[in-house]
Amino acid sequence: MPGPFVDVIVADASVKGIGHQLMLELLEAMLVIANKQSLT
């Protein structure tokens, strides 16, 4: 996953006040989805 894309998501979440733990779970879920898409 591109670094800048992750940076934008984290920055956006920070502005919206989303918890850090929730962000980690969200990013992990996105990585899983990205991996599944690349495998199929």
PDB file of N, CA and C in Angstrom:
ATOM      1  N   MET A   1       0.861  -1.199   0.000  1.00  0.00           N
ATOM      2  CA  MET A   1       0.000   0.000   0.000  1.00  0.00           C
ATOM      3  C   MET A   1       0.891   1.240   0.000  1.00  0.00           C
ATOM      4  N   PRO A   2       0.579   2.212  -0.842  1.00  0.00           N
ATOM      5  CA  PRO A   2       1.415   3.414  -0.926  1.00  0.00           C
ATOM      6  C   PRO A   2       1.453   4.199   0.378  1.00  0.00           C
ATOM      7  N   GLY A   3       2.616   4.646   0.767  1.00  0.00           N
ATOM      8  CA  GLY A   3       2.792   5.409   2.010  1.00  0.00           C
ATOM      9  C   GLY A   3       1.953   6.673   2.073  1.00  0.00           C
ATOM     10  N   PRO A   4       2.003   7.506   1.015  1.00  0.00           N
ATOM     11  CA  PRO A   4       1.230   8.764   1.042  1.00  0.00           C
ATOM     12  C   PRO A   4      -0.255   8.531   1.279  1.00  0.00           C
ATOM     13  N   PHE A   5      -0.781   7.443   0.714  1.00  0.00           N
ATOM     14  CA  PHE A   5      -2.198   7.121   0.887  1.00  0.00           C
ATOM     15  C   PHE A   5      -2.506   6.880   2.352  1.00  0.00           C
ATOM     16  N   VAL A   6      -1.620   6.129   3.019  1.00  0.00           N
ATOM     17  CA  VAL A   6      -1.795   5.851   4.444  1.00  0.00           C
ATOM     18  C   VAL A   6      -1.697   7.142   5.239  1.00  0.00           C
ATOM     19  N   ASP A   7      -0.746   7.995   4.867  1.00  0.00           N
ATOM     20  CA  ASP A   7      -0.558   9.266   5.566  1.00  0.00           C
ATOM     21  C   ASP A   7      -1.821  10.120   5.496  1.00  0.00           C
ATOM     22  N   VAL A   8      -2.442  10.148   4.336  1.00  0.00           N
ATOM     23  CA  VAL A   8      -3.669  10.928   4.159  1.00  0.00           C
ATOM     24  C   VAL A   8      -4.780  10.386   5.049  1.00  0.00           C
ATOM     25  N   ILE A   9      -4.898   9.065   5.101  1.00  0.00           N
ATOM     26  CA  ILE A   9      -5.938   8.444   5.927  1.00  0.00           C
ATOM     27  C   ILE A   9      -5.721   8.767   7.396  1.00  0.00           C
ATOM     28  N   VAL A  10      -4.474   8.633   7.855  1.00  0.00           N
ATOM     29  CA  VAL A  10      -4.154   8.901   9.255  1.00  0.00           C
ATOM     30  C   VAL A  10      -4.400  10.367   9.587  1.00  0.00           C
ATOM     31  N   ALA A  11      -4.001  11.262   8.694  1.00  0.00           N
ATOM     32  CA  ALA A  11      -4.195  12.694   8.916  1.00  0.00           C
ATOM     33  C   ALA A  11      -5.683  13.020   8.975  1.00  0.00           C
ATOM     34  N   ASP A  12      -6.456  12.438   8.065  1.00  0.00           N
ATOM     35  CA  ASP A  12      -7.897  12.665   8.023  1.00  0.00           C
ATOM     36  C   ASP A  12      -8.547  12.164   9.303  1.00  0.00           C
ATOM     37  N   ALA A  13      -8.105  11.005   9.773  1.00  0.00           N
ATOM     38  CA  ALA A  13      -8.662  10.428  10.992  1.00  0.00           C
ATOM     39  C   ALA A  13      -8.321  11.292  12.196  1.00  0.00           C
ATOM     40  N   SER A  14      -7.108  11.840  12.206  1.00  0.00           N
ATOM     41  CA  SER A  14      -6.687  12.693  13.318  1.00  0.00           C
ATOM     42  C   SER A  14      -7.580  13.925  13.403  1.00  0.00           C
ATOM     43  N   VAL A  15      -7.891  14.490  12.248  1.00  0.00           N
ATOM     44  CA  VAL A  15      -8.755  15.671  12.199  1.00  0.00           C
ATOM     45  C   VAL A  15     -10.140  15.335  12.737  1.00  0.00           C
ATOM     46  N   LYS A  16     -10.611  14.138  12.410  1.00  0.00           N
ATOM     47  CA  LYS A  16     -11.948  13.729  12.831  1.00  0.00           C
ATOM     48  C   LYS A  16     -11.964  13.186  14.254  1.00  0.00           C
ATOM     49  N   GLY A  17     -10.770  13.051  14.855  1.00  0.00           N
ATOM     50  CA  GLY A  17     -10.694  12.608  16.241  1.00  0.00           C
ATOM     51  C   GLY A  17     -10.926  11.125  16.425  1.00  0.00           C
ATOM     52  N   ILE A  18     -10.614  10.340  15.402  1.00  0.00           N
ATOM     53  CA  ILE A  18     -10.766   8.888  15.518  1.00  0.00           C
ATOM     54  C   ILE A  18      -9.629   8.333  16.370  1.00  0.00           C
ATOM     55  N   GLY A  19      -9.959   7.404  17.256  1.00  0.00           N
ATOM     56  CA  GLY A  19      -8.965   6.827  18.150  1.00  0.00           C
ATOM     57  C   GLY A  19      -7.857   6.099  17.415  1.00  0.00           C
ATOM     58  N   HIS A  20      -6.668   6.113  18.009  1.00  0.00           N
ATOM     59  CA  HIS A  20      -5.505   5.486  17.383  1.00  0.00           C
ATOM     60  C   HIS A  20      -5.708   3.984  17.212  1.00  0.00           C
ATOM     61  N   GLN A  21      -6.269   3.337  18.227  1.00  0.00           N
ATOM     62  CA  GLN A  21      -6.489   1.892  18.143  1.00  0.00           C
ATOM     63  C   GLN A  21      -7.444   1.558  16.999  1.00  0.00           C
ATOM     64  N   LEU A  22      -8.491   2.369  16.846  1.00  0.00           N
ATOM     65  CA  LEU A  22      -9.448   2.144  15.768  1.00  0.00           C
ATOM     66  C   LEU A  22      -8.761   2.298  14.416  1.00  0.00           C
ATOM     67  N   MET A  23      -7.860   3.273  14.324  1.00  0.00           N
ATOM     68  CA  MET A  23      -7.131   3.488  13.080  1.00  0.00           C
ATOM     69  C   MET A  23      -6.282   2.272  12.733  1.00  0.00           C
ATOM     70  N   LEU A  24      -5.618   1.701  13.745  1.00  0.00           N
ATOM     71  CA  LEU A  24      -4.777   0.525  13.500  1.00  0.00           C
ATOM     72  C   LEU A  24      -5.620  -0.623  12.966  1.00  0.00           C
ATOM     73  N   GLU A  25      -6.797  -0.812  13.553  1.00  0.00           N
ATOM     74  CA  GLU A  25      -7.687  -1.888  13.108  1.00  0.00           C
ATOM     75  C   GLU A  25      -8.176  -1.625  11.685  1.00  0.00           C
ATOM     76  N   LEU A  26      -8.475  -0.361  11.396  1.00  0.00           N
ATOM     77  CA  LEU A  26      -8.957   0.000  10.067  1.00  0.00           C
ATOM     78  C   LEU A  26      -7.877  -0.243   9.018  1.00  0.00           C
ATOM     79  N   LEU A  27      -6.646   0.192   9.331  1.00  0.00           N
ATOM     80  CA  LEU A  27      -5.548  -0.004   8.384  1.00  0.00           C
ATOM     81  C   LEU A  27      -5.270  -1.487   8.173  1.00  0.00           C
ATOM     82  N   GLU A  28      -5.350  -2.256   9.260  1.00  0.00           N
ATOM     83  CA  GLU A  28      -5.109  -3.699   9.150  1.00  0.00           C
ATOM     84  C   GLU A  28      -6.161  -4.334   8.247  1.00  0.00           C
ATOM     85  N   ALA A  29      -7.410  -3.931   8.418  1.00  0.00           N
ATOM     86  CA  ALA A  29      -8.495  -4.465   7.596  1.00  0.00           C
ATOM     87  C   ALA A  29      -8.284  -4.094   6.128  1.00  0.00           C
ATOM     88  N   MET A  30      -7.827  -2.869   5.892  1.00  0.00           N
ATOM     89  CA  MET A  30      -7.592  -2.414   4.520  1.00  0.00           C
ATOM     90  C   MET A  30      -6.465  -3.216   3.872  1.00  0.00           C
ATOM     91  N   LEU A  31      -5.425  -3.520   4.670  1.00  0.00           N
ATOM     92  CA  LEU A  31      -4.309  -4.309   4.144  1.00  0.00           C
ATOM     93  C   LEU A  31      -4.779  -5.706   3.768  1.00  0.00           C
ATOM     94  N   VAL A  32      -5.639  -6.291   4.597  1.00  0.00           N
ATOM     95  CA  VAL A  32      -6.173  -7.623   4.316  1.00  0.00           C
ATOM     96  C   VAL A  32      -6.973  -7.602   3.017  1.00  0.00           C
ATOM     97  N   ILE A  33      -7.802  -6.582   2.860  1.00  0.00           N
ATOM     98  CA  ILE A  33      -8.618  -6.454   1.646  1.00  0.00           C
ATOM     99  C   ILE A  33      -7.723  -6.284   0.423  1.00  0.00           C
ATOM    100  N   ALA A  34      -6.700  -5.443   0.554  1.00  0.00           N
ATOM    101  CA  ALA A  34      -5.775  -5.199  -0.558  1.00  0.00           C
ATOM    102  C   ALA A  34      -5.052  -6.481  -0.941  1.00  0.00           C
ATOM    103  N   ASN A  35      -4.649  -7.256   0.056  1.00  0.00           N
ATOM    104  CA  ASN A  35      -3.952  -8.516  -0.209  1.00  0.00           C
ATOM    105  C   ASN A  35      -4.866  -9.504  -0.919  1.00  0.00           C
ATOM    106  N   LYS A  36      -6.118  -9.567  -0.500  1.00  0.00           N
ATOM    107  CA  LYS A  36      -7.074 -10.485  -1.128  1.00  0.00           C
ATOM    108  C   LYS A  36      -7.306 -10.088  -2.588  1.00  0.00           C
ATOM    109  N   GLN A  37      -7.392  -8.793  -2.847  1.00  0.00           N
ATOM    110  CA  GLN A  37      -7.623  -8.323  -4.209  1.00  0.00           C
ATOM    111  C   GLN A  37      -6.428  -8.631  -5.101  1.00  0.00           C
ATOM    112  N   SER A  38      -5.220  -8.543  -4.532  1.00  0.00           N
ATOM    113  CA  SER A  38      -4.020  -8.792  -5.328  1.00  0.00           C
ATOM    114  C   SER A  38      -3.836 -10.281  -5.606  1.00  0.00           C
ATOM    115  N   LEU A  39      -4.384 -11.126  -4.729  1.00  0.00           N
ATOM    116  CA  LEU A  39      -4.237 -12.570  -4.896  1.00  0.00           C
ATOM    117  C   LEU A  39      -5.219 -13.124  -5.919  1.00  0.00           C
ATOM    118  N   THR A  40      -6.374 -12.495  -6.031  1.00  0.00           N
ATOM    119  CA  THR A  40      -7.397 -13.022  -6.934  1.00  0.00           C
ATOM    120  C   THR A  40      -7.233 -12.472  -8.343  1.00  0.00           C
TER     121      THR A  40
END
